[in-house]
Every structure is written in C-alpha cells, then in structure tokens.
C-alpha cells in the first residue's frame, strides 16, 4: 500500500525524510510518497493531480494562510475527508486551533514520538 503525504512549507527536508522513513517502518508493508507545496496554488494543484492521504501544514505559512486553507479544504466535498495535521512554533496557535476545531496541532519543538504515533494512527484507519 502507498500513502501520499502533502507537506505544506516545511523548512527542513530532513524532517520530511525522517517522517516518511519512520512511518514506512511503523506501517510495515507500506511506502510513503512525499509531496511538497509552498503556497496555496501549489497545494491545490497537488490535490487535483494526485491522491493525497494526509496533509501536514506549517501554521507559520504567510503564503498559504494555513487556517484559511484548512477551512476551504474542509468545505470541499472532494477533499474534506483528508486528515490535517498542523505544526506551529507559537503556543497561542493552540487557542486558535481549539476554536476552529482542529484536532491535530503539534507545537515545536516537536514531540517526535507523539507526532509519529498520531500520523501512524491516522494512516492506519
């Protein structure tokens, strides 16, 4: 089985590779495809051109306006089923996430084990 993860504007390619490798290891007979987008137009193009199983978005993306993108995706019948995980460097984003009913928000520095367990649980469903 193959899962495609869409990463929105994560700075460090090593983080992407680590997450992909770790998930492949924990999910067994699975491969992980890493898709990257740095703005809203690229993200929409990825969604339209490929199957995306999970979106991981940096909250600090000025070019994407992450919350607005999340809300747009959740209103679209074609994409609203795709799970969303947010990463943020700001503690106050937890309040905004709670108001917007965002289930998965991780504040940096990341608890990598908890992040990987959450991603594993999402993809195992």
Protein backbone atom coordinates (compact mmCIF):
# COMPACT_ATOMS: atom_id res chain seq x y z
CA UNK A 1 0.00 0.00 0.00
CA UNK A 2 1.18 3.55 -0.69
CA UNK A 3 0.23 6.73 1.15
CA UNK A 4 0.88 10.23 -0.18
CA UNK A 5 1.59 12.90 2.39
CA UNK A 6 1.31 16.54 1.33
CA UNK A 7 3.69 18.75 3.32
CA UNK A 8 2.97 22.45 3.17
CA UNK A 9 6.05 24.64 3.56
CA UNK A 10 8.13 22.67 5.98
CA UNK A 11 11.60 24.16 6.01
CA UNK A 12 13.75 21.13 6.63
CA UNK A 13 13.92 18.31 4.06
CA UNK A 14 15.48 16.09 6.74
CA UNK A 15 12.26 16.35 8.77
CA UNK A 16 10.27 15.21 5.73
CA UNK A 17 12.60 12.29 5.08
CA UNK A 18 12.60 11.29 8.75
CA UNK A 19 8.81 11.33 8.98
CA UNK A 20 8.43 9.36 5.74
CA UNK A 21 11.04 6.76 6.72
CA UNK A 22 9.67 6.38 10.26
CA UNK A 23 6.12 5.90 9.01
CA UNK A 24 7.22 3.32 6.43
CA UNK A 25 8.96 1.42 9.23
CA UNK A 26 5.99 1.56 11.61
CA UNK A 27 3.35 0.75 8.98
CA UNK A 28 5.18 -2.31 7.69
CA UNK A 29 4.45 -3.16 4.06
CA UNK A 30 3.79 0.45 3.09
CA UNK A 31 5.53 3.14 1.09
CA UNK A 32 5.22 6.85 1.74
CA UNK A 33 5.18 9.41 -1.05
CA UNK A 34 6.25 12.90 -0.03
CA UNK A 35 4.60 15.80 -1.86
CA UNK A 36 5.62 19.40 -1.11
CA UNK A 37 3.88 22.72 -1.66
CA UNK A 38 4.96 26.18 -0.56
CA UNK A 39 1.79 28.11 -1.37
CA UNK A 40 -1.96 27.69 -1.85
CA UNK A 41 -1.80 27.30 -5.64
CA UNK A 42 0.79 24.52 -5.43
CA UNK A 43 -1.21 22.77 -2.72
CA UNK A 44 -4.43 22.91 -4.77
CA UNK A 45 -2.54 21.58 -7.82
CA UNK A 46 -1.22 18.64 -5.77
CA UNK A 47 -4.72 17.85 -4.50
CA UNK A 48 -6.15 17.98 -8.02
CA UNK A 49 -3.41 15.93 -9.65
CA UNK A 50 -2.71 13.18 -7.10
CA UNK A 51 -4.37 11.20 -4.35
CA UNK A 52 -3.42 12.76 -1.00
CA UNK A 53 -3.92 10.73 2.17
CA UNK A 54 -2.75 13.25 4.77
CA UNK A 55 -1.85 16.96 4.86
CA UNK A 56 0.80 18.25 7.25
CA UNK A 57 0.92 22.03 7.32
CA UNK A 58 3.18 24.55 8.96
CA UNK A 59 0.99 27.14 10.69
CA UNK A 60 3.51 29.90 10.05
CA UNK A 61 2.99 29.98 6.29
CA UNK A 62 2.19 33.51 5.22
CA UNK A 63 1.97 32.44 1.57
CA UNK A 64 -0.69 29.86 2.35
CA UNK A 65 -2.66 31.27 5.27
CA UNK A 66 -2.93 27.81 6.81
CA UNK A 67 -6.18 28.21 8.74
CA UNK A 68 -7.97 29.62 5.71
CA UNK A 69 -6.66 26.79 3.53
CA UNK A 70 -7.80 24.25 6.14
CA UNK A 71 -11.28 25.76 6.25
CA UNK A 72 -11.51 25.77 2.45
CA UNK A 73 -10.46 22.11 2.25
CA UNK A 74 -12.95 21.08 4.95
CA UNK A 75 -15.81 22.71 2.99
CA UNK A 76 -14.89 20.93 -0.26
CA UNK A 77 -16.72 17.60 -0.62
CA UNK A 78 -13.86 16.15 -2.66
CA UNK A 79 -11.15 16.86 -0.08
CA UNK A 80 -12.85 17.23 3.31
CA UNK A 81 -12.06 13.61 4.24
CA UNK A 82 -8.28 14.24 4.13
CA UNK A 83 -6.85 14.42 7.65
CA UNK A 84 -4.92 17.60 8.52
CA UNK A 85 -2.04 17.92 10.99
CA UNK A 86 -0.65 21.34 11.90
CA UNK A 87 2.85 22.16 13.15
CA UNK A 88 3.45 25.51 14.85
CA UNK A 89 6.16 27.36 16.70
CA UNK A 90 3.61 29.52 18.53
CA UNK A 91 1.85 28.37 21.72
CA UNK A 92 -1.07 30.75 21.05
CA UNK A 93 -1.96 28.76 17.92
CA UNK A 94 -3.40 26.15 20.29
CA UNK A 95 -6.22 28.55 21.17
CA UNK A 96 -7.00 29.25 17.52
CA UNK A 97 -6.89 25.52 16.74
CA UNK A 98 -9.35 24.81 19.55
CA UNK A 99 -11.78 27.48 18.30
CA UNK A 100 -11.56 26.13 14.73
CA UNK A 101 -11.96 22.54 16.00
CA UNK A 102 -8.60 21.43 14.63
CA UNK A 103 -7.90 18.03 16.08
CA UNK A 104 -4.16 17.68 15.47
CA UNK A 105 -1.77 20.51 16.35
CA UNK A 106 1.85 19.99 17.40
CA UNK A 107 3.88 22.85 18.85
CA UNK A 108 7.61 23.00 18.13
CA UNK A 109 9.92 21.72 19.40
CA UNK A 110 8.08 18.61 18.33
CA UNK A 111 7.49 15.56 20.46
CA UNK A 112 8.55 13.33 17.58
CA UNK A 113 7.30 10.10 19.15
CA UNK A 114 3.83 11.58 19.74
CA UNK A 115 3.74 13.07 16.22
CA UNK A 116 4.73 9.77 14.60
CA UNK A 117 2.20 7.82 16.72
CA UNK A 118 -0.55 10.25 15.69
CA UNK A 119 0.40 10.02 11.99
CA UNK A 120 0.57 6.22 12.26
CA UNK A 121 -2.90 6.13 13.84
CA UNK A 122 -4.36 8.40 11.15
CA UNK A 123 -2.94 6.36 8.28
CA UNK A 124 -3.86 3.02 9.85
CA UNK A 125 -7.58 3.89 9.74
